[in-house]
Amino acid sequence: MRCVTNLLTVPCQFSPLTSPSMDSLDMRTGETIYENTKTKVAVIPSPLQPKISGISGAYNKGLWRRCFLVAAVCLGLMCLLLMAGIIGLYVTYANADVTWAALEMKVQNLTAKLMVNMDKVSAMERHIAALETRNNVSQVAFSVSLGNPRNYGPFSNNGTMVYKNVFINSGGAYNPGTGVFTAPVRGVYFFIHSGHSLSMGVVGLWLMKNGVQVVSIFNLIRAFSRRYETGSNSVSLALEVGDQVYIQLYPYTWFFDDSTSNITFTGQLLFTL
């Protein structure tokens, strides 16, 4: 029979007639003493027991230490991952801000280039319009005659000559209903006019600009002379847009014209200013 004490088994001898009973426990040594009627048996713990207990405690301490280290490493890794995520988000948002700023700068540059191109297009349109206008107004020219074979005058007041027979009226600046030429563009114009009459009558024609006499044709009476006489005069004028040029008859003078168109009025644009 064996007795088990403090995790160790040792042989025990008891009387076959009696069963062992724990009589006392030695408090100093921790020995369990069994007594019977004949014999006292002391069960002494094995000397290996303290060593096993120390090994078990050291193992438990190492286990807790390893668990703590594993937990600390895991926590550190989690912190590193969290920091990496935060840094990644910061970098992402920073890059997004930089990208957005770059896009705004590109939009501003494109807008500025568009405005410059629009200004260039507007300038080109104005240039084309000016060329078209110059091309149109460069063809300003007219030539007219009285177109009615008869004596005209004399009158007590000066009157505007209305030349109804139109040879050419390029640009439409001459009005055959009023006899007035209106400058369509600022420039230098050349004008010439002529008069025809019998020598026995006085003829006088004024070339007028905006109501002011510029040049004239004048023929005095020749006594006892009956022949036809013709006179002419010409001038170049700088005109502004809307200036008017026309021919007026002197008071108490007269002239004569026939189908040969002896009395004419001609003008044309030389160049623009």
C-alpha atoms as a PDB file:
ATOM      1  CA  MET A   1       0.000   0.000   0.000  1.00  0.00           C
ATOM      2  CA  ARG A   2       1.230   3.474  -0.793  1.00  0.00           C
ATOM      3  CA  CYS A   3       0.443   6.808   0.842  1.00  0.00           C
ATOM      4  CA  VAL A   4       0.175  10.035  -1.171  1.00  0.00           C
ATOM      5  CA  THR A   5       1.354  13.205   0.466  1.00  0.00           C
ATOM      6  CA  ASN A   6       2.293  16.515  -1.174  1.00  0.00           C
ATOM      7  CA  LEU A   7       2.083  15.060  -4.701  1.00  0.00           C
ATOM      8  CA  LEU A   8       4.626  12.263  -3.888  1.00  0.00           C
ATOM      9  CA  THR A   9       3.987   8.584  -3.220  1.00  0.00           C
ATOM     10  CA  VAL A  10       5.925   6.777  -0.493  1.00  0.00           C
ATOM     11  CA  PRO A  11       5.522   3.240   0.857  1.00  0.00           C
ATOM     12  CA  CYS A  12       3.490   2.932   4.019  1.00  0.00           C
ATOM     13  CA  GLN A  13       3.182  -0.053   6.291  1.00  0.00           C
ATOM     14  CA  PHE A  14       0.121  -0.562   8.404  1.00  0.00           C
ATOM     15  CA  SER A  15      -1.180  -3.363  10.450  1.00  0.00           C
ATOM     16  CA  PRO A  16      -3.568  -5.522   8.567  1.00  0.00           C
ATOM     17  CA  LEU A  17      -5.965  -5.467  11.435  1.00  0.00           C
ATOM     18  CA  THR A  18      -6.286  -1.761  11.744  1.00  0.00           C
ATOM     19  CA  SER A  19      -6.763   1.112   9.291  1.00  0.00           C
ATOM     20  CA  PRO A  20      -4.585   4.150   9.467  1.00  0.00           C
ATOM     21  CA  SER A  21      -5.866   7.401  10.791  1.00  0.00           C
ATOM     22  CA  MET A  22      -4.319  10.837  10.704  1.00  0.00           C
ATOM     23  CA  ASP A  23      -3.442  11.435  14.310  1.00  0.00           C
ATOM     24  CA  SER A  24      -1.599  14.681  14.065  1.00  0.00           C
ATOM     25  CA  LEU A  25       0.122  17.199  11.748  1.00  0.00           C
ATOM     26  CA  ASP A  26       3.531  18.449  12.662  1.00  0.00           C
ATOM     27  CA  MET A  27       3.187  22.197  12.208  1.00  0.00           C
ATOM     28  CA  ARG A  28       6.971  22.774  12.104  1.00  0.00           C
ATOM     29  CA  THR A  29       7.797  20.286   9.382  1.00  0.00           C
ATOM     30  CA  GLY A  30       4.478  19.820   7.655  1.00  0.00           C
ATOM     31  CA  GLU A  31       4.765  16.062   8.254  1.00  0.00           C
ATOM     32  CA  THR A  32       1.698  13.980   8.488  1.00  0.00           C
ATOM     33  CA  ILE A  33       1.875  11.452  11.237  1.00  0.00           C
ATOM     34  CA  TYR A  34      -0.322   8.391  11.173  1.00  0.00           C
ATOM     35  CA  GLU A  35      -0.767   6.332  14.241  1.00  0.00           C
ATOM     36  CA  ASN A  36      -2.198   2.971  14.927  1.00  0.00           C
ATOM     37  CA  THR A  37      -2.347   0.860  17.989  1.00  0.00           C
ATOM     38  CA  LYS A  38       0.957  -0.744  17.463  1.00  0.00           C
ATOM     39  CA  THR A  39       3.094   1.521  15.321  1.00  0.00           C
ATOM     40  CA  LYS A  40       3.607   5.254  14.537  1.00  0.00           C
ATOM     41  CA  VAL A  41       4.488   5.938  10.956  1.00  0.00           C
ATOM     42  CA  ALA A  42       5.771   9.339   9.834  1.00  0.00           C
ATOM     43  CA  VAL A  43       5.344  10.242   6.221  1.00  0.00           C
ATOM     44  CA  ILE A  44       8.071  12.713   5.213  1.00  0.00           C
ATOM     45  CA  PRO A  45       7.744  14.707   1.993  1.00  0.00           C
ATOM     46  CA  SER A  46      10.246  13.977  -0.763  1.00  0.00           C
ATOM     47  CA  PRO A  47      13.192  16.322  -1.000  1.00  0.00           C
ATOM     48  CA  LEU A  48      12.288  16.917  -4.721  1.00  0.00           C
ATOM     49  CA  GLN A  49       9.034  18.718  -3.906  1.00  0.00           C
ATOM     50  CA  PRO A  50      10.447  22.201  -3.262  1.00  0.00           C
ATOM     51  CA  LYS A  51      12.320  22.103  -6.550  1.00  0.00           C
ATOM     52  CA  ILE A  52       9.192  21.204  -8.501  1.00  0.00           C
ATOM     53  CA  SER A  53       7.233  24.013  -6.849  1.00  0.00           C
ATOM     54  CA  GLY A  54       9.953  26.536  -7.743  1.00  0.00           C
ATOM     55  CA  ILE A  55      10.014  25.334 -11.344  1.00  0.00           C
ATOM     56  CA  SER A  56       6.217  25.692 -11.588  1.00  0.00           C
ATOM     57  CA  GLY A  57       6.299  29.287 -10.248  1.00  0.00           C
ATOM     58  CA  ALA A  58       9.073  30.295 -12.619  1.00  0.00           C
ATOM     59  CA  TYR A  59       7.180  28.773 -15.539  1.00  0.00           C
ATOM     60  CA  ASN A  60       4.047  30.722 -14.631  1.00  0.00           C
ATOM     61  CA  LYS A  61       6.020  33.974 -14.395  1.00  0.00           C
ATOM     62  CA  GLY A  62       7.626  33.368 -17.815  1.00  0.00           C
ATOM     63  CA  LEU A  63       4.265  32.591 -19.326  1.00  0.00           C
ATOM     64  CA  TRP A  64       2.769  35.838 -18.058  1.00  0.00           C
ATOM     65  CA  ARG A  65       5.811  37.737 -19.255  1.00  0.00           C
ATOM     66  CA  ARG A  66       5.539  36.274 -22.729  1.00  0.00           C
ATOM     67  CA  CYS A  67       1.803  37.038 -22.864  1.00  0.00           C
ATOM     68  CA  PHE A  68       2.515  40.617 -21.804  1.00  0.00           C
ATOM     69  CA  LEU A  69       5.205  40.977 -24.437  1.00  0.00           C
ATOM     70  CA  VAL A  70       2.924  39.574 -27.137  1.00  0.00           C
ATOM     71  CA  ALA A  71       0.149  41.946 -26.072  1.00  0.00           C
ATOM     72  CA  ALA A  72       2.570  44.890 -26.047  1.00  0.00           C
ATOM     73  CA  VAL A  73       3.859  43.998 -29.506  1.00  0.00           C
ATOM     74  CA  CYS A  74       0.313  43.678 -30.859  1.00  0.00           C
ATOM     75  CA  LEU A  75      -0.644  47.011 -29.299  1.00  0.00           C
ATOM     76  CA  GLY A  76       2.449  48.628 -30.790  1.00  0.00           C
ATOM     77  CA  LEU A  77       1.645  47.235 -34.218  1.00  0.00           C
ATOM     78  CA  MET A  78      -1.912  48.514 -33.931  1.00  0.00           C
ATOM     79  CA  CYS A  79      -0.576  51.946 -32.978  1.00  0.00           C
ATOM     80  CA  LEU A  80       1.803  51.883 -35.931  1.00  0.00           C
ATOM     81  CA  LEU A  81      -1.003  50.892 -38.294  1.00  0.00           C
ATOM     82  CA  LEU A  82      -3.204  53.650 -36.882  1.00  0.00           C
ATOM     83  CA  MET A  83      -0.442  56.224 -37.302  1.00  0.00           C
ATOM     84  CA  ALA A  84       0.212  54.997 -40.846  1.00  0.00           C
ATOM     85  CA  GLY A  85      -3.485  55.335 -41.651  1.00  0.00           C
ATOM     86  CA  ILE A  86      -3.598  58.856 -40.203  1.00  0.00           C
ATOM     87  CA  ILE A  87      -0.485  59.858 -42.164  1.00  0.00           C
ATOM     88  CA  GLY A  88      -1.937  58.296 -45.321  1.00  0.00           C
ATOM     89  CA  LEU A  89      -5.176  60.246 -44.902  1.00  0.00           C
ATOM     90  CA  TYR A  90      -3.238  63.454 -44.290  1.00  0.00           C
ATOM     91  CA  VAL A  91      -1.094  62.898 -47.355  1.00  0.00           C
ATOM     92  CA  THR A  92      -4.177  62.039 -49.413  1.00  0.00           C
ATOM     93  CA  TYR A  93      -6.019  65.184 -48.352  1.00  0.00           C
ATOM     94  CA  ALA A  94      -2.878  67.268 -48.786  1.00  0.00           C
ATOM     95  CA  ASN A  95      -2.443  65.895 -52.294  1.00  0.00           C
ATOM     96  CA  ALA A  96      -6.134  66.537 -52.953  1.00  0.00           C
ATOM     97  CA  ASP A  97      -5.698  70.172 -51.865  1.00  0.00           C
ATOM     98  CA  VAL A  98      -2.630  70.520 -54.072  1.00  0.00           C
ATOM     99  CA  THR A  99      -4.474  68.902 -56.984  1.00  0.00           C
ATOM    100  CA  TRP A 100      -7.487  71.164 -56.501  1.00  0.00           C
ATOM    101  CA  ALA A 101      -5.272  74.239 -56.343  1.00  0.00           C
ATOM    102  CA  ALA A 102      -3.488  73.119 -59.516  1.00  0.00           C
ATOM    103  CA  LEU A 103      -6.835  72.615 -61.256  1.00  0.00           C
ATOM    104  CA  GLU A 104      -8.005  76.066 -60.178  1.00  0.00           C
ATOM    105  CA  MET A 105      -4.764  77.558 -61.507  1.00  0.00           C
ATOM    106  CA  LYS A 106      -5.227  75.750 -64.824  1.00  0.00           C
ATOM    107  CA  VAL A 107      -8.815  77.005 -65.057  1.00  0.00           C
ATOM    108  CA  GLN A 108      -7.655  80.567 -64.377  1.00  0.00           C
ATOM    109  CA  ASN A 109      -4.915  80.280 -67.006  1.00  0.00           C
ATOM    110  CA  LEU A 110      -7.358  78.874 -69.559  1.00  0.00           C
ATOM    111  CA  THR A 111      -9.837  81.645 -68.745  1.00  0.00           C
ATOM    112  CA  ALA A 112      -7.137  84.285 -69.232  1.00  0.00           C
ATOM    113  CA  LYS A 113      -6.096  82.718 -72.543  1.00  0.00           C
ATOM    114  CA  LEU A 114      -9.739  82.580 -73.615  1.00  0.00           C
ATOM    115  CA  MET A 115     -10.197  86.269 -72.829  1.00  0.00           C
ATOM    116  CA  VAL A 116      -7.045  87.120 -74.793  1.00  0.00           C
ATOM    117  CA  ASN A 117      -8.271  85.055 -77.732  1.00  0.00           C
ATOM    118  CA  MET A 118     -11.685  86.713 -77.531  1.00  0.00           C
ATOM    119  CA  ASP A 119      -9.995  90.129 -77.601  1.00  0.00           C
ATOM    120  CA  LYS A 120      -7.965  89.019 -80.611  1.00  0.00           C
ATOM    121  CA  VAL A 121     -11.106  87.767 -82.346  1.00  0.00           C
ATOM    122  CA  SER A 122     -12.877  91.065 -81.607  1.00  0.00           C
ATOM    123  CA  ALA A 123      -9.898  93.005 -82.965  1.00  0.00           C
ATOM    124  CA  MET A 124      -9.872  90.846 -86.090  1.00  0.00           C
ATOM    125  CA  GLU A 125     -13.609  91.359 -86.545  1.00  0.00           C
ATOM    126  CA  ARG A 126     -13.148  95.129 -86.235  1.00  0.00           C
ATOM    127  CA  HIS A 127     -10.270  95.008 -88.684  1.00  0.00           C
ATOM    128  CA  ILE A 128     -12.321  92.980 -91.160  1.00  0.00           C
ATOM    129  CA  ALA A 129     -15.246  95.388 -90.762  1.00  0.00           C
ATOM    130  CA  ALA A 130     -12.899  98.320 -91.338  1.00  0.00           C
ATOM    131  CA  LEU A 131     -11.483  96.648 -94.437  1.00  0.00           C
ATOM    132  CA  GLU A 132     -14.969  95.947 -95.730  1.00  0.00           C
ATOM    133  CA  THR A 133     -16.007  99.531 -95.026  1.00  0.00           C
ATOM    134  CA  ARG A 134     -12.860 100.849 -96.668  1.00  0.00           C
ATOM    135  CA  ASN A 135     -13.443  98.591 -99.625  1.00  0.00           C
ATOM    136  CA  ASN A 136     -16.986  99.863 -99.946  1.00  0.00           C
ATOM    137  CA  VAL A 137     -16.254 103.532 -99.383  1.00  0.00           C
ATOM    138  CA  SER A 138     -13.176 103.426-101.588  1.00  0.00           C
ATOM    139  CA  GLN A 139     -15.621 103.047-104.470  1.00  0.00           C
ATOM    140  CA  VAL A 140     -17.354 106.366-103.760  1.00  0.00           C
ATOM    141  CA  ALA A 141     -17.667 108.240-107.043  1.00  0.00           C
ATOM    142  CA  PHE A 142     -20.426 110.055-108.906  1.00  0.00           C
ATOM    143  CA  SER A 143     -20.883 112.014-112.129  1.00  0.00           C
ATOM    144  CA  VAL A 144     -24.136 113.745-113.139  1.00  0.00           C
ATOM    145  CA  SER A 145     -25.479 116.311-115.570  1.00  0.00           C
ATOM    146  CA  LEU A 146     -28.518 118.551-115.758  1.00  0.00           C
ATOM    147  CA  GLY A 147     -30.186 116.342-118.354  1.00  0.00           C
ATOM    148  CA  ASN A 148     -32.842 118.846-119.412  1.00  0.00           C
ATOM    149  CA  PRO A 149     -32.022 120.963-122.506  1.00  0.00           C
ATOM    150  CA  ARG A 150     -33.348 124.363-121.628  1.00  0.00           C
ATOM    151  CA  ASN A 151     -32.485 127.770-120.233  1.00  0.00           C
ATOM    152  CA  TYR A 152     -32.354 127.829-116.442  1.00  0.00           C
ATOM    153  CA  GLY A 153     -32.794 131.078-114.502  1.00  0.00           C
ATOM    154  CA  PRO A 154     -32.426 133.842-113.696  1.00  0.00           C
ATOM    155  CA  PHE A 155     -33.762 133.773-110.088  1.00  0.00           C
ATOM    156  CA  SER A 156     -33.791 136.434-107.429  1.00  0.00           C
ATOM    157  CA  ASN A 157     -32.328 134.014-104.876  1.00  0.00           C
ATOM    158  CA  ASN A 158     -29.626 131.421-105.141  1.00  0.00           C
ATOM    159  CA  GLY A 159     -30.897 127.868-105.539  1.00  0.00           C
ATOM    160  CA  THR A 160     -29.376 124.394-105.411  1.00  0.00           C
ATOM    161  CA  MET A 161     -28.819 122.748-108.767  1.00  0.00           C
ATOM    162  CA  VAL A 162     -30.491 119.330-109.074  1.00  0.00           C
ATOM    163  CA  TYR A 163     -28.625 117.117-111.542  1.00  0.00           C
ATOM    164  CA  LYS A 164     -31.023 114.366-112.543  1.00  0.00           C
ATOM    165  CA  ASN A 165     -29.032 112.661-115.289  1.00  0.00           C
ATOM    166  CA  VAL A 166     -26.772 110.212-113.399  1.00  0.00           C
ATOM    167  CA  PHE A 167     -23.792 108.697-115.212  1.00  0.00           C
ATOM    168  CA  ILE A 168     -22.446 106.907-112.139  1.00  0.00           C
ATOM    169  CA  ASN A 169     -23.226 106.965-108.436  1.00  0.00           C
ATOM    170  CA  SER A 170     -20.963 104.347-106.850  1.00  0.00           C
ATOM    171  CA  GLY A 171     -21.633 104.170-103.134  1.00  0.00           C
ATOM    172  CA  GLY A 172     -24.916 106.054-103.452  1.00  0.00           C
ATOM    173  CA  ALA A 173     -23.560 109.199-101.765  1.00  0.00           C
ATOM    174  CA  TYR A 174     -25.150 111.549-104.320  1.00  0.00           C
ATOM    175  CA  ASN A 175     -28.883 112.191-104.016  1.00  0.00           C
ATOM    176  CA  PRO A 176     -30.443 112.884-107.472  1.00  0.00           C
ATOM    177  CA  GLY A 177     -33.606 114.134-105.772  1.00  0.00           C
ATOM    178  CA  THR A 178     -31.883 117.000-103.938  1.00  0.00           C
ATOM    179  CA  GLY A 179     -28.621 117.424-105.895  1.00  0.00           C
ATOM    180  CA  VAL A 180     -26.577 117.041-102.653  1.00  0.00           C
ATOM    181  CA  PHE A 181     -23.545 114.809-102.133  1.00  0.00           C
ATOM    182  CA  THR A 182     -23.080 113.547 -98.532  1.00  0.00           C
ATOM    183  CA  ALA A 183     -19.669 112.187 -97.511  1.00  0.00           C
ATOM    184  CA  PRO A 184     -20.052 108.582 -96.271  1.00  0.00           C
ATOM    185  CA  VAL A 185     -16.552 108.423 -94.774  1.00  0.00           C
ATOM    186  CA  ARG A 186     -13.859 110.764 -93.519  1.00  0.00           C
ATOM    187  CA  GLY A 187     -11.408 111.405 -96.344  1.00  0.00           C
ATOM    188  CA  VAL A 188     -10.157 113.603 -99.152  1.00  0.00           C
ATOM    189  CA  TYR A 189     -12.520 114.083-102.122  1.00  0.00           C
ATOM    190  CA  PHE A 190     -12.036 115.625-105.545  1.00  0.00           C
ATOM    191  CA  PHE A 191     -14.851 117.685-107.157  1.00  0.00           C
ATOM    192  CA  ILE A 192     -15.249 119.367-110.537  1.00  0.00           C
ATOM    193  CA  HIS A 193     -18.219 121.229-111.981  1.00  0.00           C
ATOM    194  CA  SER A 194     -18.911 123.044-115.245  1.00  0.00           C
ATOM    195  CA  GLY A 195     -21.283 125.666-116.621  1.00  0.00           C
ATOM    196  CA  HIS A 196     -22.517 126.608-120.102  1.00  0.00           C
ATOM    197  CA  SER A 197     -24.417 129.608-121.424  1.00  0.00           C
ATOM    198  CA  LEU A 198     -24.710 132.174-124.186  1.00  0.00           C
ATOM    199  CA  SER A 199     -22.218 135.014-123.985  1.00  0.00           C
ATOM    200  CA  MET A 200     -25.059 137.511-123.831  1.00  0.00           C
ATOM    201  CA  GLY A 201     -26.085 136.194-120.394  1.00  0.00           C
ATOM    202  CA  VAL A 202     -24.321 136.115-117.037  1.00  0.00           C
ATOM    203  CA  VAL A 203     -23.678 132.691-115.535  1.00  0.00           C
ATOM    204  CA  GLY A 204     -22.508 132.060-112.004  1.00  0.00           C
ATOM    205  CA  LEU A 205     -22.243 128.702-110.199  1.00  0.00           C
ATOM    206  CA  TRP A 206     -20.994 128.161-106.649  1.00  0.00           C
ATOM    207  CA  LEU A 207     -19.602 124.939-105.240  1.00  0.00           C
ATOM    208  CA  MET A 208     -20.793 124.859-101.629  1.00  0.00           C
ATOM    209  CA  LYS A 209     -19.639 122.882 -98.597  1.00  0.00           C
ATOM    210  CA  ASN A 210     -22.077 122.854 -95.690  1.00  0.00           C
ATOM    211  CA  GLY A 211     -23.535 126.220 -96.758  1.00  0.00           C
ATOM    212  CA  VAL A 212     -20.149 127.904 -97.384  1.00  0.00           C
ATOM    213  CA  GLN A 213     -18.928 128.920-100.858  1.00  0.00           C
ATOM    214  CA  VAL A 214     -15.690 127.163-101.855  1.00  0.00           C
ATOM    215  CA  VAL A 215     -15.066 127.754-105.585  1.00  0.00           C
ATOM    216  CA  SER A 216     -17.156 129.230-108.418  1.00  0.00           C
ATOM    217  CA  ILE A 217     -17.653 129.671-112.168  1.00  0.00           C
ATOM    218  CA  PHE A 218     -18.540 133.137-113.373  1.00  0.00           C
ATOM    219  CA  ASN A 219     -19.041 134.544-116.887  1.00  0.00           C
ATOM    220  CA  LEU A 220     -19.784 138.225-117.661  1.00  0.00           C
ATOM    221  CA  ILE A 221     -21.992 139.555-120.467  1.00  0.00           C
ATOM    222  CA  ARG A 222     -20.282 140.265-123.756  1.00  0.00           C
ATOM    223  CA  ALA A 223     -22.065 143.045-125.617  1.00  0.00           C
ATOM    224  CA  PHE A 224     -23.151 142.306-129.136  1.00  0.00           C
ATOM    225  CA  SER A 225     -21.585 138.841-128.942  1.00  0.00           C
ATOM    226  CA  ARG A 226     -23.766 135.821-129.321  1.00  0.00           C
ATOM    227  CA  ARG A 227     -21.870 132.621-128.757  1.00  0.00           C
ATOM    228  CA  TYR A 228     -21.874 129.742-126.282  1.00  0.00           C
ATOM    229  CA  GLU A 229     -19.307 129.746-123.560  1.00  0.00           C
ATOM    230  CA  THR A 230     -18.332 127.007-121.084  1.00  0.00           C
ATOM    231  CA  GLY A 231     -16.425 127.273-117.839  1.00  0.00           C
ATOM    232  CA  SER A 232     -15.332 124.794-115.171  1.00  0.00           C
ATOM    233  CA  ASN A 233     -13.579 124.658-111.837  1.00  0.00           C
ATOM    234  CA  SER A 234     -12.319 121.919-109.526  1.00  0.00           C
ATOM    235  CA  VAL A 235     -11.172 121.447-105.925  1.00  0.00           C
ATOM    236  CA  SER A 236     -10.045 118.762-103.458  1.00  0.00           C
ATOM    237  CA  LEU A 237     -11.684 118.861-100.030  1.00  0.00           C
ATOM    238  CA  ALA A 238     -11.119 117.067 -96.733  1.00  0.00           C
ATOM    239  CA  LEU A 239     -14.564 115.970 -95.566  1.00  0.00           C
ATOM    240  CA  GLU A 240     -15.889 114.459 -92.398  1.00  0.00           C
ATOM    241  CA  VAL A 241     -18.665 111.919 -92.354  1.00  0.00           C
ATOM    242  CA  GLY A 242     -21.931 113.706 -93.123  1.00  0.00           C
ATOM    243  CA  ASP A 243     -20.408 116.788 -94.765  1.00  0.00           C
ATOM    244  CA  GLN A 244     -22.469 117.989 -97.753  1.00  0.00           C
ATOM    245  CA  VAL A 245     -21.273 119.326-101.096  1.00  0.00           C
ATOM    246  CA  TYR A 246     -23.570 120.799-103.786  1.00  0.00           C
ATOM    247  CA  ILE A 247     -23.814 123.438-106.530  1.00  0.00           C
ATOM    248  CA  GLN A 248     -25.806 126.658-106.301  1.00  0.00           C
ATOM    249  CA  LEU A 249     -26.766 129.217-108.983  1.00  0.00           C
ATOM    250  CA  TYR A 250     -25.921 132.896-108.420  1.00  0.00           C
ATOM    251  CA  PRO A 251     -28.951 135.197-108.101  1.00  0.00           C
ATOM    252  CA  TYR A 252     -30.000 136.831-111.395  1.00  0.00           C
ATOM    253  CA  THR A 253     -27.809 134.542-113.477  1.00  0.00           C
ATOM    254  CA  TRP A 254     -28.783 131.795-115.857  1.00  0.00           C
ATOM    255  CA  PHE A 255     -27.345 128.946-117.916  1.00  0.00           C
ATOM    256  CA  PHE A 256     -28.219 126.711-120.819  1.00  0.00           C
ATOM    257  CA  ASP A 257     -27.867 123.001-121.396  1.00  0.00           C
ATOM    258  CA  ASP A 258     -28.849 120.560-124.114  1.00  0.00           C
ATOM    259  CA  SER A 259     -28.541 116.879-124.913  1.00  0.00           C
ATOM    260  CA  THR A 260     -24.732 117.159-125.016  1.00  0.00           C
ATOM    261  CA  SER A 261     -24.682 117.583-121.172  1.00  0.00           C
ATOM    262  CA  ASN A 262     -22.543 120.692-120.970  1.00  0.00           C
ATOM    263  CA  ILE A 263     -23.328 121.338-117.271  1.00  0.00           C
ATOM    264  CA  THR A 264     -21.899 118.564-115.082  1.00  0.00           C
ATOM    265  CA  PHE A 265     -21.025 117.849-111.465  1.00  0.00           C
ATOM    266  CA  THR A 266     -18.482 115.140-110.613  1.00  0.00           C
ATOM    267  CA  GLY A 267     -16.850 113.948-107.404  1.00  0.00           C
ATOM    268  CA  GLN A 268     -14.922 110.974-106.027  1.00  0.00           C
ATOM    269  CA  LEU A 269     -13.068 109.798-102.940  1.00  0.00           C
ATOM    270  CA  LEU A 270      -9.287 109.989-103.291  1.00  0.00           C
ATOM    271  CA  PHE A 271      -8.351 108.351 -99.965  1.00  0.00           C
ATOM    272  CA  THR A 272      -9.666 107.999 -96.431  1.00  0.00           C
ATOM    273  CA  LEU A 273      -8.292 109.781 -93.364  1.00  0.00           C
END
